[in-house]
């Protein structure tokens, strides 16, 4: 589970991160990373986007749970004030959690280059 202090909840934050952040794609997910250097007082925020293209409600909730679990592992790598949006692609429905975790770390590394 992703702790509450690290959850992105405002739609404005989602929109800003997706439009202004650096995009990095993998086969199962897309990461939008926005580093806000002047806002070091807040904790990093992570948001998830799992659309209907991924599957029905049961599949989307399963993918969301797995993404929240693997996102928890990258929290120590994030800087204060950093915002991260993880958008699941349809292939994420059949991908194992280990693959989701590896691709999330690779996408984050790629976005930071």
N, C-alpha and C. Protein backbone atom coordinates (compact mmCIF):
# COMPACT_ATOMS: atom_id res chain seq x y z
N UNK A 1 0.84 -1.18 0.00
CA UNK A 1 0.00 0.00 0.00
C UNK A 1 0.89 1.24 0.00
N UNK A 2 0.44 2.25 -0.70
CA UNK A 2 1.15 3.52 -0.78
C UNK A 2 0.70 4.41 0.36
N UNK A 3 1.62 4.86 1.22
CA UNK A 3 1.22 5.70 2.35
C UNK A 3 0.53 6.98 1.88
N UNK A 4 -0.41 7.47 2.67
CA UNK A 4 -1.25 8.61 2.29
C UNK A 4 -0.44 9.86 1.97
N UNK A 5 0.64 10.09 2.67
CA UNK A 5 1.42 11.30 2.44
C UNK A 5 2.08 11.33 1.06
N UNK A 6 2.18 10.18 0.40
CA UNK A 6 2.82 10.10 -0.91
C UNK A 6 1.80 9.99 -2.05
N UNK A 7 0.51 10.02 -1.77
CA UNK A 7 -0.51 9.89 -2.81
C UNK A 7 -0.84 11.24 -3.43
N UNK A 8 -0.91 11.24 -4.73
CA UNK A 8 -1.34 12.43 -5.46
C UNK A 8 -2.86 12.34 -5.59
N UNK A 9 -3.56 13.36 -5.12
CA UNK A 9 -5.02 13.29 -5.09
C UNK A 9 -5.70 14.41 -5.89
N UNK A 10 -5.00 15.51 -6.13
CA UNK A 10 -5.62 16.64 -6.82
C UNK A 10 -5.47 16.50 -8.32
N UNK A 11 -6.56 16.73 -9.06
CA UNK A 11 -6.51 16.60 -10.52
C UNK A 11 -5.59 17.64 -11.15
N UNK A 12 -5.44 18.78 -10.49
CA UNK A 12 -4.51 19.81 -10.98
C UNK A 12 -3.09 19.27 -10.99
N UNK A 13 -2.72 18.54 -9.95
CA UNK A 13 -1.37 17.96 -9.88
C UNK A 13 -1.16 16.92 -10.98
N UNK A 14 -2.19 16.11 -11.24
CA UNK A 14 -2.11 15.12 -12.32
C UNK A 14 -1.90 15.83 -13.65
N UNK A 15 -2.71 16.84 -13.92
CA UNK A 15 -2.62 17.56 -15.19
C UNK A 15 -1.29 18.25 -15.38
N UNK A 16 -0.80 18.89 -14.34
CA UNK A 16 0.48 19.58 -14.41
C UNK A 16 1.62 18.60 -14.66
N UNK A 17 1.60 17.49 -13.96
CA UNK A 17 2.67 16.50 -14.10
C UNK A 17 2.67 15.88 -15.49
N UNK A 18 1.49 15.57 -16.01
CA UNK A 18 1.41 14.95 -17.33
C UNK A 18 1.79 15.94 -18.42
N UNK A 19 1.37 17.19 -18.29
CA UNK A 19 1.64 18.15 -19.35
C UNK A 19 3.07 18.72 -19.31
N UNK A 20 3.62 18.94 -18.13
CA UNK A 20 4.94 19.56 -18.01
C UNK A 20 6.06 18.59 -17.66
N UNK A 21 5.72 17.38 -17.24
CA UNK A 21 6.73 16.43 -16.82
C UNK A 21 7.41 15.73 -17.97
N UNK A 22 8.51 15.06 -17.65
CA UNK A 22 9.27 14.28 -18.63
C UNK A 22 8.61 12.92 -18.75
N UNK A 23 8.38 12.49 -19.99
CA UNK A 23 7.67 11.25 -20.26
C UNK A 23 8.66 10.15 -20.62
N UNK A 24 8.46 8.97 -20.02
CA UNK A 24 9.27 7.80 -20.35
C UNK A 24 8.34 6.60 -20.46
N UNK A 25 8.40 5.91 -21.59
CA UNK A 25 7.49 4.79 -21.85
C UNK A 25 8.21 3.45 -21.76
N UNK A 26 7.48 2.46 -21.30
CA UNK A 26 7.91 1.07 -21.29
C UNK A 26 6.79 0.26 -21.92
N UNK A 27 6.91 -1.05 -21.97
CA UNK A 27 5.88 -1.85 -22.64
C UNK A 27 4.58 -1.95 -21.85
N UNK A 28 4.64 -1.80 -20.53
CA UNK A 28 3.43 -1.94 -19.71
C UNK A 28 2.97 -0.66 -19.05
N UNK A 29 3.81 0.39 -19.05
CA UNK A 29 3.42 1.62 -18.38
C UNK A 29 4.17 2.82 -18.96
N UNK A 30 3.63 4.00 -18.67
CA UNK A 30 4.25 5.27 -19.04
C UNK A 30 4.40 6.07 -17.77
N UNK A 31 5.57 6.68 -17.59
CA UNK A 31 5.84 7.48 -16.40
C UNK A 31 6.01 8.93 -16.80
N UNK A 32 5.36 9.82 -16.07
CA UNK A 32 5.53 11.26 -16.23
C UNK A 32 6.16 11.76 -14.93
N UNK A 33 7.36 12.34 -15.03
CA UNK A 33 8.11 12.76 -13.87
C UNK A 33 8.31 14.27 -13.92
N UNK A 34 7.89 14.96 -12.86
CA UNK A 34 8.04 16.41 -12.77
C UNK A 34 8.79 16.73 -11.50
N UNK A 35 9.95 17.34 -11.65
CA UNK A 35 10.75 17.73 -10.50
C UNK A 35 10.55 19.21 -10.24
N UNK A 36 10.06 19.52 -9.06
CA UNK A 36 9.85 20.90 -8.65
C UNK A 36 10.89 21.21 -7.60
N UNK A 37 11.94 21.91 -8.01
CA UNK A 37 13.08 22.13 -7.12
C UNK A 37 12.82 23.17 -6.03
N UNK A 38 11.87 24.09 -6.27
CA UNK A 38 11.65 25.13 -5.26
C UNK A 38 10.71 24.68 -4.15
N UNK A 39 10.13 23.50 -4.26
CA UNK A 39 9.18 23.01 -3.27
C UNK A 39 9.78 21.81 -2.54
N UNK A 40 10.77 22.06 -1.68
CA UNK A 40 11.45 20.97 -0.98
C UNK A 40 10.81 20.64 0.37
N UNK A 41 9.77 21.38 0.74
CA UNK A 41 9.15 21.14 2.04
C UNK A 41 8.13 20.02 2.00
N UNK A 42 7.66 19.64 0.82
CA UNK A 42 6.63 18.61 0.72
C UNK A 42 7.25 17.28 0.32
N UNK A 43 6.56 16.23 0.66
CA UNK A 43 7.02 14.90 0.30
C UNK A 43 6.71 14.63 -1.17
N UNK A 44 7.41 13.70 -1.80
CA UNK A 44 7.11 13.38 -3.19
C UNK A 44 5.70 12.79 -3.31
N UNK A 45 5.08 12.99 -4.47
CA UNK A 45 3.72 12.51 -4.70
C UNK A 45 3.71 11.56 -5.89
N UNK A 46 2.93 10.48 -5.76
CA UNK A 46 2.79 9.49 -6.82
C UNK A 46 1.31 9.33 -7.13
N UNK A 47 0.97 9.41 -8.42
CA UNK A 47 -0.40 9.21 -8.85
C UNK A 47 -0.48 8.11 -9.88
N UNK A 48 -1.62 7.44 -9.93
CA UNK A 48 -1.84 6.34 -10.87
C UNK A 48 -2.98 6.67 -11.81
N UNK A 49 -2.83 6.27 -13.08
CA UNK A 49 -3.89 6.39 -14.06
C UNK A 49 -4.05 5.01 -14.69
N UNK A 50 -5.20 4.39 -14.45
CA UNK A 50 -5.49 3.08 -15.02
C UNK A 50 -6.84 3.21 -15.74
N UNK A 51 -6.78 3.34 -17.06
CA UNK A 51 -7.99 3.60 -17.83
C UNK A 51 -8.73 2.32 -18.19
N UNK A 52 -9.90 2.49 -18.81
CA UNK A 52 -10.73 1.35 -19.19
C UNK A 52 -10.09 0.49 -20.27
N UNK A 53 -9.09 1.03 -20.97
CA UNK A 53 -8.42 0.24 -21.99
C UNK A 53 -7.63 -0.92 -21.38
N UNK A 54 -7.33 -0.83 -20.08
CA UNK A 54 -6.59 -1.89 -19.39
C UNK A 54 -7.47 -3.12 -19.18
N UNK A 55 -8.75 -2.91 -18.93
CA UNK A 55 -9.67 -4.03 -18.72
C UNK A 55 -10.89 -3.59 -17.95
N UNK A 56 -11.67 -4.56 -17.50
CA UNK A 56 -12.86 -4.23 -16.72
C UNK A 56 -12.46 -3.79 -15.31
N UNK A 57 -13.44 -3.49 -14.49
CA UNK A 57 -13.17 -2.93 -13.15
C UNK A 57 -12.29 -3.85 -12.30
N UNK A 58 -12.54 -5.13 -12.37
CA UNK A 58 -11.76 -6.08 -11.57
C UNK A 58 -10.30 -6.05 -11.98
N UNK A 59 -10.05 -6.05 -13.28
CA UNK A 59 -8.68 -6.03 -13.79
C UNK A 59 -8.01 -4.70 -13.45
N UNK A 60 -8.72 -3.59 -13.62
CA UNK A 60 -8.15 -2.27 -13.32
C UNK A 60 -7.77 -2.15 -11.85
N UNK A 61 -8.62 -2.65 -10.96
CA UNK A 61 -8.30 -2.59 -9.53
C UNK A 61 -7.10 -3.47 -9.20
N UNK A 62 -6.99 -4.61 -9.84
CA UNK A 62 -5.84 -5.49 -9.61
C UNK A 62 -4.56 -4.81 -10.07
N UNK A 63 -4.60 -4.19 -11.24
CA UNK A 63 -3.43 -3.48 -11.76
C UNK A 63 -3.08 -2.31 -10.84
N UNK A 64 -4.09 -1.59 -10.36
CA UNK A 64 -3.84 -0.47 -9.44
C UNK A 64 -3.16 -0.92 -8.17
N UNK A 65 -3.63 -2.01 -7.60
CA UNK A 65 -3.02 -2.53 -6.36
C UNK A 65 -1.57 -2.91 -6.60
N UNK A 66 -1.32 -3.59 -7.72
CA UNK A 66 0.05 -4.01 -8.01
C UNK A 66 0.96 -2.81 -8.28
N UNK A 67 0.45 -1.80 -8.97
CA UNK A 67 1.25 -0.60 -9.21
C UNK A 67 1.53 0.17 -7.92
N UNK A 68 0.55 0.24 -7.04
CA UNK A 68 0.78 0.91 -5.75
C UNK A 68 1.86 0.18 -4.96
N UNK A 69 1.84 -1.13 -5.04
CA UNK A 69 2.83 -1.93 -4.32
C UNK A 69 4.24 -1.69 -4.87
N UNK A 70 4.40 -1.69 -6.18
CA UNK A 70 5.74 -1.50 -6.75
C UNK A 70 6.17 -0.03 -6.65
N UNK A 71 5.21 0.90 -6.64
CA UNK A 71 5.55 2.33 -6.50
C UNK A 71 6.12 2.61 -5.12
N UNK A 72 5.70 1.85 -4.15
CA UNK A 72 6.22 2.03 -2.78
C UNK A 72 7.73 1.83 -2.74
N UNK A 73 8.25 0.97 -3.62
CA UNK A 73 9.69 0.68 -3.63
C UNK A 73 10.52 1.82 -4.20
N UNK A 74 9.92 2.71 -4.99
CA UNK A 74 10.70 3.81 -5.58
C UNK A 74 10.62 5.10 -4.77
N UNK A 75 9.83 5.11 -3.71
CA UNK A 75 9.71 6.33 -2.88
C UNK A 75 11.06 6.82 -2.37
N UNK A 76 11.95 5.95 -1.89
CA UNK A 76 13.25 6.46 -1.42
C UNK A 76 14.09 7.11 -2.51
N UNK A 77 13.83 6.77 -3.78
CA UNK A 77 14.58 7.34 -4.90
C UNK A 77 14.08 8.72 -5.31
N UNK A 78 12.90 9.12 -4.83
CA UNK A 78 12.29 10.38 -5.23
C UNK A 78 12.79 11.53 -4.35
N UNK A 79 12.87 12.71 -4.95
CA UNK A 79 13.29 13.90 -4.22
C UNK A 79 12.09 14.58 -3.59
N UNK A 80 12.30 15.38 -2.55
CA UNK A 80 11.18 16.15 -1.98
C UNK A 80 10.56 17.07 -3.03
N UNK A 81 9.25 17.09 -3.09
CA UNK A 81 8.54 17.93 -4.05
C UNK A 81 8.39 17.31 -5.42
N UNK A 82 8.99 16.16 -5.67
CA UNK A 82 8.89 15.52 -6.98
C UNK A 82 7.51 14.90 -7.16
N UNK A 83 6.98 14.98 -8.38
CA UNK A 83 5.67 14.41 -8.68
C UNK A 83 5.83 13.37 -9.78
N UNK A 84 5.17 12.23 -9.60
CA UNK A 84 5.29 11.11 -10.51
C UNK A 84 3.90 10.57 -10.83
N UNK A 85 3.56 10.50 -12.12
CA UNK A 85 2.30 9.90 -12.54
C UNK A 85 2.64 8.64 -13.32
N UNK A 86 2.05 7.53 -12.92
CA UNK A 86 2.25 6.24 -13.58
C UNK A 86 0.97 5.90 -14.31
N UNK A 87 1.05 5.78 -15.64
CA UNK A 87 -0.12 5.45 -16.46
C UNK A 87 0.03 4.03 -16.97
N UNK A 88 -0.92 3.18 -16.61
CA UNK A 88 -0.88 1.78 -17.00
C UNK A 88 -1.33 1.63 -18.45
N UNK A 89 -0.63 0.79 -19.20
CA UNK A 89 -1.00 0.45 -20.56
C UNK A 89 -1.73 -0.90 -20.55
N UNK A 90 -2.46 -1.23 -21.61
CA UNK A 90 -3.22 -2.50 -21.61
C UNK A 90 -2.39 -3.74 -21.31
N UNK A 91 -1.12 -3.76 -21.69
CA UNK A 91 -0.28 -4.93 -21.42
C UNK A 91 0.00 -5.13 -19.94
N UNK A 92 -0.25 -4.13 -19.11
CA UNK A 92 0.00 -4.25 -17.67
C UNK A 92 -0.96 -5.23 -17.01
N UNK A 93 -2.09 -5.49 -17.64
CA UNK A 93 -3.07 -6.41 -17.06
C UNK A 93 -2.53 -7.83 -16.97
N UNK A 94 -1.70 -8.22 -17.91
CA UNK A 94 -1.18 -9.60 -17.91
C UNK A 94 0.27 -9.68 -17.45
N UNK A 95 0.87 -8.57 -17.12
CA UNK A 95 2.28 -8.56 -16.70
C UNK A 95 2.40 -8.94 -15.22
N UNK A 96 3.42 -9.72 -14.87
CA UNK A 96 3.65 -10.03 -13.45
C UNK A 96 4.15 -8.80 -12.69
N UNK A 97 3.98 -8.80 -11.40
CA UNK A 97 4.40 -7.67 -10.57
C UNK A 97 5.89 -7.38 -10.68
N UNK A 98 6.69 -8.41 -10.81
CA UNK A 98 8.13 -8.21 -10.94
C UNK A 98 8.46 -7.41 -12.20
N UNK A 99 7.76 -7.69 -13.29
CA UNK A 99 7.98 -6.94 -14.52
C UNK A 99 7.53 -5.50 -14.37
N UNK A 100 6.40 -5.27 -13.69
CA UNK A 100 5.93 -3.91 -13.46
C UNK A 100 6.95 -3.12 -12.64
N UNK A 101 7.51 -3.75 -11.62
CA UNK A 101 8.51 -3.09 -10.79
C UNK A 101 9.77 -2.75 -11.57
N UNK A 102 10.24 -3.68 -12.37
CA UNK A 102 11.44 -3.45 -13.17
C UNK A 102 11.21 -2.34 -14.19
N UNK A 103 10.06 -2.37 -14.85
CA UNK A 103 9.78 -1.36 -15.86
C UNK A 103 9.55 0.02 -15.23
N UNK A 104 8.99 0.06 -14.03
CA UNK A 104 8.83 1.34 -13.35
C UNK A 104 10.19 1.95 -13.03
N UNK A 105 11.10 1.15 -12.51
CA UNK A 105 12.43 1.65 -12.19
C UNK A 105 13.18 2.07 -13.45
N UNK A 106 13.04 1.30 -14.53
CA UNK A 106 13.70 1.65 -15.79
C UNK A 106 13.13 2.95 -16.36
N UNK A 107 11.82 3.11 -16.31
CA UNK A 107 11.18 4.32 -16.83
C UNK A 107 11.58 5.54 -16.01
N UNK A 108 11.65 5.39 -14.71
CA UNK A 108 12.06 6.50 -13.85
C UNK A 108 13.50 6.90 -14.15
N UNK A 109 14.37 5.92 -14.32
CA UNK A 109 15.76 6.18 -14.66
C UNK A 109 15.86 6.88 -16.03
N UNK A 110 15.06 6.42 -16.97
CA UNK A 110 15.05 7.00 -18.32
C UNK A 110 14.53 8.44 -18.30
N UNK A 111 13.53 8.72 -17.49
CA UNK A 111 12.97 10.07 -17.41
C UNK A 111 13.94 11.05 -16.78
N UNK A 112 14.82 10.58 -15.97
CA UNK A 112 15.77 11.46 -15.28
C UNK A 112 17.01 11.78 -16.11
N UNK A 113 17.19 11.12 -17.25
CA UNK A 113 18.34 11.43 -18.10
C UNK A 113 18.20 12.74 -18.80
